[in-house]
Amino acid sequence: MPSQDFDLDELAAYLHLTPPQVEKLANRDDIPGRKVAGKWKFSKADIHHWLEHRIGVYDDQQLERVEGVLDRHGKHDEPVRISDMLHASTIKIPITSRSPRKVITEICEVSMEAGYLWDAPKMMDAILQRESMHSTALDNGVALLHPRRPLPMILSESFLAMGRTYQGIPFGGSRGVLTDVFFLIASVDDPSHLRTLARLSRIINDSTVIQGIRAANHAEDVLELIEEREDQL
């Protein structure tokens, strides 16, 4: 059975850092780890969530570096294509609900109707559990919904869904920012989730894309905006 931990050298290779750099981060509590018999061990699940959090606050240059790390680790020649994972049938404009739970329900039901999600209630519950730990709402009014761990058994394949409300709603973000754009990230495993999260974060960091999504009336308009921006990356 594969180890659930990285050792110092393995994590350094994964992050494309040197072992002394990783050890320095660990000694400063900047990266989650623990010492066992005097040697550093790093839970793969904890590193996954650490990276997930970092992706959420990184700028474009930092996100580009993270993408490179994840692509090289998985030996991927090409980055994830958000425009291939998001479909007209998984976009809903507008979402009419005014509460977080109902917004999540609408997006999950749209995904199930489109045939990409097989169990909307299970995905909804998993997303709500993740939101109770820490909100996925960002300061630009976008939320990146996802379960704490991937749920491949209820997916036909990895996909994205998106919804936009007429007006922003309180969604637990910092500074009291209201949220009106919601993406659902549904991945089959942790590595693909991080790669998708990093690529999508680069796209939505562009204020022009978000303004365009807020002005869009049709799913095709959203797809065109995302594809144009993705081709520039």
Protein backbone atom coordinates (compact mmCIF):
# COMPACT_ATOMS: atom_id res chain seq x y z
CA MET A 1 0.00 0.00 0.00
CA PRO A 2 1.50 3.40 -0.99
CA SER A 3 2.72 5.59 1.84
CA GLN A 4 0.37 8.36 2.92
CA ASP A 5 3.35 10.55 3.80
CA PHE A 6 6.11 12.40 1.97
CA ASP A 7 9.56 12.38 3.49
CA LEU A 8 11.71 15.50 3.19
CA ASP A 9 13.32 14.53 -0.12
CA GLU A 10 10.06 13.37 -1.68
CA LEU A 11 8.24 16.59 -0.78
CA ALA A 12 11.15 18.66 -2.05
CA ALA A 13 10.98 16.81 -5.38
CA TYR A 14 7.19 17.22 -5.50
CA LEU A 15 7.36 20.99 -4.88
CA HIS A 16 10.50 21.45 -7.00
CA LEU A 17 12.35 22.90 -4.04
CA THR A 18 15.53 21.79 -2.33
CA PRO A 19 15.32 19.71 0.87
CA PRO A 20 16.86 22.58 2.92
CA GLN A 21 14.15 24.93 1.59
CA VAL A 22 11.39 22.53 2.61
CA GLU A 23 13.00 21.95 6.01
CA LYS A 24 13.15 25.71 6.55
CA LEU A 25 9.44 26.01 5.74
CA ALA A 26 8.63 23.15 8.11
CA ASN A 27 10.72 24.60 10.94
CA ARG A 28 8.83 27.88 10.59
CA ASP A 29 5.46 26.07 10.53
CA ASP A 30 4.87 27.46 7.04
CA ILE A 31 4.10 23.99 5.75
CA PRO A 32 2.28 21.19 7.66
CA GLY A 33 4.59 18.46 8.88
CA ARG A 34 5.68 16.47 11.91
CA LYS A 35 8.85 14.84 13.12
CA VAL A 36 8.96 11.07 13.57
CA ALA A 37 12.13 9.69 15.15
CA GLY A 38 13.82 12.98 14.33
CA LYS A 39 12.86 12.95 10.65
CA TRP A 40 10.29 15.12 8.92
CA LYS A 41 7.11 13.47 7.61
CA PHE A 42 4.41 15.27 5.64
CA SER A 43 0.90 13.92 5.22
CA LYS A 44 -0.07 13.88 1.55
CA ALA A 45 -3.62 14.92 2.47
CA ASP A 46 -2.31 17.85 4.53
CA ILE A 47 -0.01 18.94 1.71
CA HIS A 48 -2.95 18.77 -0.69
CA HIS A 49 -5.02 21.11 1.52
CA TRP A 50 -2.01 23.38 2.11
CA LEU A 51 -1.54 23.74 -1.65
CA GLU A 52 -5.26 24.26 -2.15
CA HIS A 53 -5.22 27.15 0.31
CA ARG A 54 -2.11 28.69 -1.25
CA ILE A 55 -3.65 28.52 -4.72
CA GLY A 56 -6.60 30.53 -3.44
CA VAL A 57 -4.41 33.50 -2.45
CA TYR A 58 -1.67 33.41 -5.10
CA ASP A 59 -1.27 35.98 -7.87
CA ASP A 60 -0.94 34.99 -11.53
CA GLN A 61 2.84 34.63 -11.45
CA GLN A 62 2.69 32.37 -8.41
CA LEU A 63 -0.17 30.36 -9.93
CA GLU A 64 1.85 29.84 -13.09
CA ARG A 65 4.66 28.38 -11.00
CA VAL A 66 2.25 26.09 -9.13
CA GLU A 67 0.80 24.89 -12.43
CA GLY A 68 4.28 24.04 -13.62
CA VAL A 69 5.01 22.09 -10.43
CA LEU A 70 1.77 20.09 -10.68
CA ASP A 71 2.17 19.40 -14.40
CA ARG A 72 5.76 18.23 -14.01
CA HIS A 73 4.92 16.03 -11.04
CA GLY A 74 2.16 14.29 -12.98
CA LYS A 75 4.29 14.23 -16.16
CA HIS A 76 1.60 16.13 -18.07
CA ASP A 77 2.65 17.69 -21.37
CA GLU A 78 -0.37 19.98 -21.53
CA PRO A 79 -2.17 22.00 -18.84
CA VAL A 80 -5.78 21.35 -17.89
CA ARG A 81 -8.27 22.94 -20.30
CA ILE A 82 -11.05 24.63 -18.36
CA SER A 83 -12.92 25.30 -21.60
CA ASP A 84 -13.03 21.52 -22.20
CA MET A 85 -14.34 20.74 -18.70
CA LEU A 86 -17.07 23.38 -18.57
CA HIS A 87 -20.10 22.74 -20.78
CA ALA A 88 -23.08 24.78 -21.87
CA SER A 89 -25.30 22.20 -20.16
CA THR A 90 -23.53 22.72 -16.80
CA ILE A 91 -23.88 26.52 -16.83
CA LYS A 92 -26.95 28.16 -15.34
CA ILE A 93 -27.65 31.87 -15.82
CA PRO A 94 -29.26 33.04 -13.70
CA ILE A 95 -29.39 31.07 -10.50
CA THR A 96 -32.49 32.33 -8.73
CA SER A 97 -31.76 31.06 -5.21
CA ARG A 98 -30.83 33.52 -2.48
CA SER A 99 -29.25 31.22 0.12
CA PRO A 100 -25.93 29.34 0.01
CA ARG A 101 -27.57 25.94 0.44
CA LYS A 102 -30.06 26.51 -2.37
CA VAL A 103 -27.41 27.91 -4.71
CA ILE A 104 -25.31 24.79 -4.18
CA THR A 105 -28.42 22.64 -4.70
CA GLU A 106 -29.21 24.35 -8.02
CA ILE A 107 -25.69 23.88 -9.37
CA CYS A 108 -25.59 20.22 -8.34
CA GLU A 109 -29.01 19.57 -9.89
CA VAL A 110 -27.94 21.21 -13.16
CA SER A 111 -24.86 18.99 -13.20
CA MET A 112 -26.96 15.88 -12.61
CA GLU A 113 -29.47 16.84 -15.31
CA ALA A 114 -26.54 17.25 -17.71
CA GLY A 115 -25.41 13.69 -16.93
CA TYR A 116 -22.04 14.49 -15.37
CA LEU A 117 -23.10 14.03 -11.72
CA TRP A 118 -24.97 10.94 -10.55
CA ASP A 119 -25.82 11.88 -6.97
CA ALA A 120 -26.63 15.55 -6.46
CA PRO A 121 -27.59 15.27 -2.75
CA LYS A 122 -24.30 13.55 -1.91
CA MET A 123 -22.25 16.20 -3.72
CA MET A 124 -24.29 18.97 -2.11
CA ASP A 125 -23.69 17.57 1.39
CA ALA A 126 -19.95 17.21 0.69
CA ILE A 127 -19.71 20.81 -0.53
CA LEU A 128 -21.58 22.11 2.50
CA GLN A 129 -19.21 20.19 4.79
CA ARG A 130 -16.25 21.76 2.97
CA GLU A 131 -17.78 25.23 3.25
CA SER A 132 -18.32 24.74 6.99
CA MET A 133 -14.56 24.25 7.38
CA HIS A 134 -13.54 27.33 5.39
CA SER A 135 -15.47 29.31 2.82
CA THR A 136 -14.38 28.97 -0.81
CA ALA A 137 -15.64 32.49 -1.54
CA LEU A 138 -12.97 34.85 -2.89
CA ASP A 139 -12.67 38.61 -2.61
CA ASN A 140 -13.69 39.10 -6.25
CA GLY A 141 -17.19 37.72 -5.64
CA VAL A 142 -16.44 34.24 -6.99
CA ALA A 143 -16.77 30.96 -5.06
CA LEU A 144 -14.93 27.79 -6.09
CA LEU A 145 -17.19 25.06 -4.73
CA HIS A 146 -15.81 21.56 -4.22
CA PRO A 147 -15.91 18.70 -1.72
CA ARG A 148 -13.02 18.24 0.72
CA ARG A 149 -11.93 15.14 -1.18
CA PRO A 150 -12.88 14.09 -4.71
CA LEU A 151 -15.94 11.88 -5.16
CA PRO A 152 -15.14 9.92 -8.35
CA MET A 153 -17.78 7.29 -7.65
CA ILE A 154 -20.60 9.78 -8.38
CA LEU A 155 -19.05 11.43 -11.47
CA SER A 156 -19.17 10.34 -15.09
CA GLU A 157 -15.87 12.24 -15.54
CA SER A 158 -14.11 15.32 -14.18
CA PHE A 159 -16.13 18.42 -15.03
CA LEU A 160 -16.91 22.01 -14.08
CA ALA A 161 -20.26 23.69 -13.56
CA MET A 162 -21.04 27.36 -13.12
CA GLY A 163 -23.90 29.53 -12.00
CA ARG A 164 -24.48 33.24 -11.56
CA THR A 165 -27.04 34.94 -9.37
CA TYR A 166 -28.75 38.22 -10.28
CA GLN A 167 -27.32 39.82 -7.15
CA GLY A 168 -24.54 38.84 -4.78
CA ILE A 169 -25.39 36.86 -1.66
CA PRO A 170 -23.52 36.46 1.66
CA PHE A 171 -21.40 33.33 1.24
CA GLY A 172 -18.94 33.48 4.11
CA GLY A 173 -16.15 35.34 2.31
CA SER A 174 -13.85 37.80 4.01
CA ARG A 175 -14.49 41.57 4.24
CA GLY A 176 -18.22 41.09 3.78
CA VAL A 177 -17.91 40.74 -0.01
CA LEU A 178 -21.05 39.32 -1.63
CA THR A 179 -20.73 36.37 -4.01
CA ASP A 180 -22.55 36.10 -7.33
CA VAL A 181 -20.43 33.73 -9.47
CA PHE A 182 -20.16 30.09 -8.43
CA PHE A 183 -17.99 27.40 -10.01
CA LEU A 184 -18.29 23.74 -9.03
CA ILE A 185 -15.04 21.80 -9.40
CA ALA A 186 -15.73 18.07 -9.65
CA SER A 187 -12.53 16.03 -10.00
CA VAL A 188 -11.78 12.32 -9.94
CA ASP A 189 -8.61 12.61 -7.81
CA ASP A 190 -6.54 15.06 -5.76
CA PRO A 191 -3.86 15.82 -8.40
CA SER A 192 -6.41 16.67 -11.09
CA HIS A 193 -8.34 18.78 -8.58
CA LEU A 194 -5.27 20.89 -7.80
CA ARG A 195 -4.39 21.28 -11.47
CA THR A 196 -7.96 22.38 -12.28
CA LEU A 197 -8.06 24.74 -9.31
CA ALA A 198 -4.78 26.39 -10.31
CA ARG A 199 -5.81 26.83 -13.96
CA LEU A 200 -9.29 28.13 -13.10
CA SER A 201 -7.81 30.53 -10.53
CA ARG A 202 -5.55 32.03 -13.21
CA ILE A 203 -8.57 32.63 -15.44
CA ILE A 204 -10.77 34.24 -12.80
CA ASN A 205 -7.92 36.43 -11.56
CA ASP A 206 -8.55 38.42 -14.74
CA SER A 207 -11.14 41.05 -13.82
CA THR A 208 -12.18 41.37 -17.47
CA VAL A 209 -13.29 37.72 -17.49
CA ILE A 210 -15.34 38.15 -14.33
CA GLN A 211 -16.95 41.35 -15.63
CA GLY A 212 -17.80 39.49 -18.81
CA ILE A 213 -19.37 36.61 -16.90
CA ARG A 214 -21.48 39.08 -14.93
CA ALA A 215 -22.69 40.64 -18.17
CA ALA A 216 -23.27 37.35 -20.00
CA ASN A 217 -26.81 36.24 -20.76
CA HIS A 218 -26.02 32.85 -22.27
CA ALA A 219 -23.78 29.89 -21.46
CA GLU A 220 -22.06 30.21 -24.83
CA ASP A 221 -20.93 33.74 -23.93
CA VAL A 222 -19.26 32.42 -20.79
CA LEU A 223 -17.53 29.61 -22.66
CA GLU A 224 -16.21 32.04 -25.26
CA LEU A 225 -14.80 34.36 -22.57
CA ILE A 226 -13.05 31.51 -20.79
CA GLU A 227 -11.66 30.00 -23.98
CA GLU A 228 -10.27 33.36 -25.14
CA ARG A 229 -8.56 33.97 -21.81
CA GLU A 230 -7.26 30.42 -21.61
CA ASP A 231 -5.68 30.71 -25.05
CA GLN A 232 -3.68 33.69 -23.74
CA LEU A 233 -2.15 31.79 -20.81
